[in-house]
Amino acid sequence: MKKILFALCACLVAAGLSLSAKAETVLRVGASPTPHAELLQEAQKLLKPQGITLEIVDYSDYVLPNVALDNKELDANFFQHKPYLDDFNKEKGTKLTSLGTVHYEPFGIYAGKCKDLSKLKDGAVIGVPNDTTNEARALLLLQDMGLITLKEGAGLTATRLDIVKNPRKVKIEEIEAAQLGRSLPDLDLAVINGNYAILAGLKVKDALRAEAADSLAAATYANIVAVRQGDENRPELQALLKALRSPELRDFMLKTYDGAVVPAK
């Protein structure tokens, strides 16, 4: 009997296998380069001992990561908030869902030609993201400042067409979110997503105005891990979410991003 077991072990070793080997699981995850891909790289340190390897695919826009996930080219993606995902599902007929929240990136109003809000001139040009949910979020922040008034009920689908009062006659320029930082020299102000502000070398603490970390926006626009409906209970995906929400990742966010990336509550 011992000879048979020894022979079996020898065969397994010869085939490059091990009796104690742990099967590796590879998760292909789409992400914006900053901070999402960076957070995934940190999460990898916690997942590797569990036999889970992340293959991180960088995307520079807000459309392709959802298309790739829907096409089963990815196991998950990490770049968006739920209002954006809900709007995407509605427009594209996809069935993607949130696995859970990870962090919040405060929107900020950043200086272009205008360095002081108290000196903002009538007719100033203000850049906002051109995708529906993020444009609405930017317009709501401008409304909170008293610069514009949106029609009642516009909410999370507001566009510049929903502006009913504009006493300062500011001009709202809809610009692709990733380009807002580069466009600042040509604008008086720009309302910029947290991740793209980081890429542009901007800091939330230097914003002329920013959303509060304890605001309704912080809960509404928390960034999520998105998966296909039906995949929510896959153990490896649950392990990914747990790693991203771990104390280790929380500390990393607070130490690394200087208020631009805030752990979700």
Protein backbone atom coordinates (compact mmCIF):
# COMPACT_ATOMS: atom_id res chain seq x y z
CA MET A 1 0.00 0.00 0.00
CA LYS A 2 2.82 2.40 0.88
CA LYS A 3 4.47 1.64 -2.46
CA ILE A 4 1.24 2.55 -4.29
CA LEU A 5 0.90 5.89 -2.45
CA PHE A 6 4.56 6.68 -3.08
CA ALA A 7 4.13 5.95 -6.77
CA LEU A 8 1.02 8.17 -6.93
CA CYS A 9 2.85 11.09 -5.29
CA ALA A 10 5.76 10.63 -7.68
CA CYS A 11 3.38 10.81 -10.65
CA LEU A 12 1.81 14.02 -9.36
CA VAL A 13 5.21 15.64 -8.83
CA ALA A 14 6.30 14.58 -12.30
CA ALA A 15 3.20 16.24 -13.74
CA GLY A 16 4.11 19.50 -11.98
CA LEU A 17 1.41 19.12 -9.32
CA SER A 18 1.52 19.08 -5.54
CA LEU A 19 -0.73 17.39 -3.02
CA SER A 20 -0.75 20.62 -0.98
CA ALA A 21 -1.00 23.04 -3.92
CA LYS A 22 -3.80 25.59 -3.71
CA ALA A 23 -5.64 26.41 -6.92
CA GLU A 24 -5.11 30.01 -8.00
CA THR A 25 -8.11 32.15 -8.94
CA VAL A 26 -7.53 35.03 -11.35
CA LEU A 27 -9.93 37.97 -11.26
CA ARG A 28 -9.84 40.37 -14.19
CA VAL A 29 -10.92 43.79 -12.88
CA GLY A 30 -11.31 47.00 -14.88
CA ALA A 31 -10.43 50.26 -13.14
CA SER A 32 -9.59 53.92 -13.54
CA PRO A 33 -5.83 54.37 -13.04
CA THR A 34 -6.14 56.64 -9.98
CA PRO A 35 -7.13 55.85 -7.31
CA HIS A 36 -8.97 52.67 -8.26
CA ALA A 37 -6.13 50.67 -9.83
CA GLU A 38 -3.85 51.78 -7.00
CA LEU A 39 -6.36 50.56 -4.40
CA LEU A 40 -6.64 47.25 -6.24
CA GLN A 41 -2.87 46.86 -6.14
CA GLU A 42 -2.99 47.30 -2.36
CA ALA A 43 -5.90 44.85 -2.09
CA GLN A 44 -3.80 42.33 -4.04
CA LYS A 45 -1.48 42.07 -1.03
CA LEU A 46 -4.39 40.77 1.06
CA LEU A 47 -5.82 38.53 -1.65
CA LYS A 48 -2.62 36.77 -2.73
CA PRO A 49 -2.37 34.60 0.43
CA GLN A 50 -5.97 33.52 -0.30
CA GLY A 51 -4.96 32.22 -3.73
CA ILE A 52 -6.58 35.13 -5.58
CA THR A 53 -4.65 37.11 -8.18
CA LEU A 54 -5.94 40.36 -9.66
CA GLU A 55 -5.40 41.17 -13.31
CA ILE A 56 -6.00 44.92 -13.32
CA VAL A 57 -7.06 46.51 -16.61
CA ASP A 58 -6.78 50.30 -16.77
CA TYR A 59 -9.47 52.36 -18.51
CA SER A 60 -9.36 56.09 -19.11
CA ASP A 61 -13.09 56.61 -19.69
CA TYR A 62 -16.43 55.80 -18.06
CA VAL A 63 -18.01 53.67 -20.79
CA LEU A 64 -15.65 50.88 -21.84
CA PRO A 65 -15.28 49.28 -18.37
CA ASN A 66 -19.03 48.62 -18.21
CA VAL A 67 -19.15 47.40 -21.80
CA ALA A 68 -16.28 45.00 -21.09
CA LEU A 69 -17.95 43.74 -17.90
CA ASP A 70 -21.23 43.17 -19.71
CA ASN A 71 -19.37 41.30 -22.47
CA LYS A 72 -17.74 39.03 -19.84
CA GLU A 73 -14.28 40.36 -20.64
CA LEU A 74 -14.01 41.34 -16.96
CA ASP A 75 -15.11 39.73 -13.70
CA ALA A 76 -15.74 43.12 -12.08
CA ASN A 77 -14.96 46.79 -12.45
CA PHE A 78 -14.16 49.55 -10.01
CA PHE A 79 -14.44 53.16 -11.16
CA GLN A 80 -18.00 54.46 -10.76
CA HIS A 81 -20.77 55.34 -8.34
CA LYS A 82 -24.21 53.74 -8.29
CA PRO A 83 -26.16 56.64 -9.87
CA TYR A 84 -23.84 56.39 -12.88
CA LEU A 85 -24.24 52.61 -13.05
CA ASP A 86 -28.04 52.88 -12.79
CA ASP A 87 -28.08 55.44 -15.60
CA PHE A 88 -25.78 53.24 -17.73
CA ASN A 89 -28.01 50.19 -17.22
CA LYS A 90 -31.06 52.22 -18.21
CA GLU A 91 -29.46 53.60 -21.36
CA LYS A 92 -27.65 50.48 -22.54
CA GLY A 93 -30.01 47.74 -21.32
CA THR A 94 -27.20 46.08 -19.34
CA LYS A 95 -27.69 44.10 -16.13
CA LEU A 96 -24.81 45.18 -13.96
CA THR A 97 -25.12 45.64 -10.22
CA SER A 98 -23.24 47.00 -7.23
CA LEU A 99 -21.40 44.50 -5.07
CA GLY A 100 -20.82 47.18 -2.42
CA THR A 101 -19.36 50.60 -1.73
CA VAL A 102 -15.67 51.25 -1.13
CA HIS A 103 -14.89 54.97 -1.00
CA TYR A 104 -16.08 58.47 -1.79
CA GLU A 105 -14.30 61.11 -3.88
CA PRO A 106 -15.44 64.65 -3.07
CA PHE A 107 -16.28 66.79 -6.09
CA GLY A 108 -14.38 70.05 -6.07
CA ILE A 109 -14.59 73.42 -7.78
CA TYR A 110 -11.09 74.25 -9.01
CA ALA A 111 -9.58 77.54 -10.08
CA GLY A 112 -8.83 78.24 -13.70
CA LYS A 113 -8.59 81.89 -14.65
CA CYS A 114 -10.57 82.82 -11.54
CA LYS A 115 -8.61 82.28 -8.33
CA ASP A 116 -11.18 83.68 -5.89
CA LEU A 117 -14.91 82.91 -5.93
CA SER A 118 -15.70 86.33 -4.51
CA LYS A 119 -14.17 87.85 -7.65
CA LEU A 120 -15.97 85.63 -10.17
CA LYS A 121 -17.08 87.81 -13.08
CA ASP A 122 -20.50 87.78 -14.71
CA GLY A 123 -20.42 85.56 -17.79
CA ALA A 124 -17.69 83.34 -16.37
CA VAL A 125 -17.13 80.01 -18.14
CA ILE A 126 -17.44 76.96 -15.87
CA GLY A 127 -16.58 73.44 -17.01
CA VAL A 128 -18.61 70.45 -15.82
CA PRO A 129 -18.51 66.71 -16.70
CA ASN A 130 -20.58 65.86 -19.77
CA ASP A 131 -21.99 62.52 -18.51
CA THR A 132 -25.49 62.75 -17.08
CA THR A 133 -25.08 61.86 -13.43
CA ASN A 134 -21.78 63.68 -12.90
CA GLU A 135 -23.02 66.79 -14.71
CA ALA A 136 -26.06 66.84 -12.43
CA ARG A 137 -23.84 66.48 -9.39
CA ALA A 138 -21.68 69.40 -10.57
CA LEU A 139 -24.72 71.58 -11.24
CA LEU A 140 -26.13 70.81 -7.80
CA LEU A 141 -22.86 71.98 -6.26
CA LEU A 142 -23.04 75.21 -8.29
CA GLN A 143 -26.64 75.61 -7.14
CA ASP A 144 -25.56 75.19 -3.52
CA MET A 145 -23.16 78.09 -4.12
CA GLY A 146 -26.02 80.25 -5.32
CA LEU A 147 -24.67 80.65 -8.86
CA ILE A 148 -27.61 78.94 -10.60
CA THR A 149 -31.05 77.53 -9.85
CA LEU A 150 -32.26 74.28 -11.40
CA LYS A 151 -35.87 73.52 -12.20
CA GLU A 152 -37.69 71.66 -9.47
CA GLY A 153 -37.29 67.89 -9.70
CA ALA A 154 -34.28 67.95 -12.07
CA GLY A 155 -32.26 66.04 -9.45
CA LEU A 156 -29.68 63.51 -10.60
CA THR A 157 -30.54 63.89 -14.29
CA ALA A 158 -30.08 67.67 -14.45
CA THR A 159 -28.23 69.21 -17.40
CA ARG A 160 -27.54 72.83 -18.25
CA LEU A 161 -30.91 72.85 -20.05
CA ASP A 162 -32.54 72.56 -16.60
CA ILE A 163 -31.09 75.87 -15.38
CA VAL A 164 -34.03 78.23 -14.75
CA LYS A 165 -32.16 81.05 -13.02
CA ASN A 166 -28.69 82.25 -13.90
CA PRO A 167 -28.34 85.80 -12.50
CA ARG A 168 -24.58 85.91 -13.13
CA LYS A 169 -25.05 84.62 -16.69
CA VAL A 170 -22.34 82.00 -16.19
CA LYS A 171 -21.66 79.79 -19.19
CA ILE A 172 -21.70 76.05 -18.49
CA GLU A 173 -19.34 74.08 -20.72
CA GLU A 174 -19.97 70.32 -20.84
CA ILE A 175 -16.58 68.62 -21.17
CA GLU A 176 -15.55 64.97 -21.03
CA ALA A 177 -14.71 64.33 -17.38
CA ALA A 178 -11.14 63.17 -18.03
CA GLN A 179 -10.35 66.38 -19.92
CA LEU A 180 -11.52 68.91 -17.31
CA GLY A 181 -8.17 69.17 -15.55
CA ARG A 182 -6.38 69.90 -18.82
CA SER A 183 -9.05 72.43 -19.78
CA LEU A 184 -8.62 74.54 -16.62
CA PRO A 185 -6.37 77.19 -18.27
CA ASP A 186 -9.19 77.95 -20.74
CA LEU A 187 -11.94 78.08 -18.09
CA ASP A 188 -12.72 80.37 -15.20
CA LEU A 189 -13.64 77.39 -13.00
CA ALA A 190 -14.20 73.66 -13.37
CA VAL A 191 -16.11 71.15 -11.28
CA ILE A 192 -13.98 68.01 -11.35
CA ASN A 193 -14.41 64.38 -10.25
CA GLY A 194 -12.05 63.37 -7.45
CA ASN A 195 -10.11 60.77 -9.45
CA TYR A 196 -9.51 63.10 -12.38
CA ALA A 197 -8.53 65.90 -10.03
CA ILE A 198 -5.83 63.62 -8.62
CA LEU A 199 -4.57 62.80 -12.12
CA ALA A 200 -4.39 66.53 -12.89
CA GLY A 201 -2.25 67.11 -9.78
CA LEU A 202 -5.05 68.91 -7.94
CA LYS A 203 -5.78 68.53 -4.23
CA VAL A 204 -9.19 68.66 -2.57
CA LYS A 205 -7.82 70.93 0.15
CA ASP A 206 -6.94 73.46 -2.56
CA ALA A 207 -10.41 73.42 -4.14
CA LEU A 208 -12.34 76.68 -3.93
CA ARG A 209 -15.33 74.66 -2.77
CA ALA A 210 -15.82 70.91 -2.21
CA GLU A 211 -18.55 68.53 -1.11
CA ALA A 212 -18.47 67.71 2.58
CA ALA A 213 -17.43 64.19 3.57
CA ASP A 214 -20.58 63.83 5.70
CA SER A 215 -22.92 65.22 3.03
CA LEU A 216 -25.74 63.44 1.23
CA ALA A 217 -23.45 63.33 -1.80
CA ALA A 218 -20.94 61.23 0.16
CA ALA A 219 -23.54 58.49 0.57
CA THR A 220 -25.13 58.89 -2.85
CA TYR A 221 -21.92 58.95 -4.87
CA ALA A 222 -19.77 56.39 -3.05
CA ASN A 223 -17.67 54.41 -5.53
CA ILE A 224 -18.63 50.77 -5.95
CA VAL A 225 -17.36 47.44 -7.18
CA ALA A 226 -19.68 46.48 -10.05
CA VAL A 227 -20.38 42.93 -11.23
CA ARG A 228 -22.87 41.18 -13.50
CA GLN A 229 -26.19 40.30 -11.93
CA GLY A 230 -25.94 36.72 -10.68
CA ASP A 231 -22.28 36.98 -9.73
CA GLU A 232 -22.83 38.75 -6.41
CA ASN A 233 -22.20 35.65 -4.29
CA ARG A 234 -19.04 34.43 -6.01
CA PRO A 235 -16.63 33.87 -3.08
CA GLU A 236 -13.65 35.43 -4.85
CA LEU A 237 -15.61 38.61 -5.61
CA GLN A 238 -16.79 38.84 -2.02
CA ALA A 239 -13.16 38.44 -0.96
CA LEU A 240 -12.22 41.34 -3.27
CA LEU A 241 -14.84 43.61 -1.71
CA LYS A 242 -13.76 42.61 1.81
CA ALA A 243 -10.13 43.44 0.99
CA LEU A 244 -11.07 46.85 -0.44
CA ARG A 245 -13.09 47.64 2.69
CA SER A 246 -10.43 46.33 5.09
CA PRO A 247 -8.74 48.43 7.81
CA GLU A 248 -5.50 48.17 5.82
CA LEU A 249 -7.06 49.79 2.75
CA ARG A 250 -8.83 52.36 4.88
CA ASP A 251 -5.50 53.45 6.37
CA PHE A 252 -3.90 53.50 2.92
CA MET A 253 -6.62 55.83 1.57
CA LEU A 254 -6.33 58.25 4.47
CA LYS A 255 -2.53 58.39 4.35
CA THR A 256 -2.14 58.53 0.57
CA TYR A 257 -4.76 60.82 -0.92
CA ASP A 258 -4.92 63.81 1.41
CA GLY A 259 -8.73 63.94 1.59
CA ALA A 260 -9.37 63.19 -2.10
CA VAL A 261 -10.37 59.59 -1.34
CA VAL A 262 -12.50 58.98 1.75
CA PRO A 263 -13.42 55.46 2.98
CA ALA A 264 -17.13 54.69 2.64
CA LYS A 265 -19.09 54.35 5.87
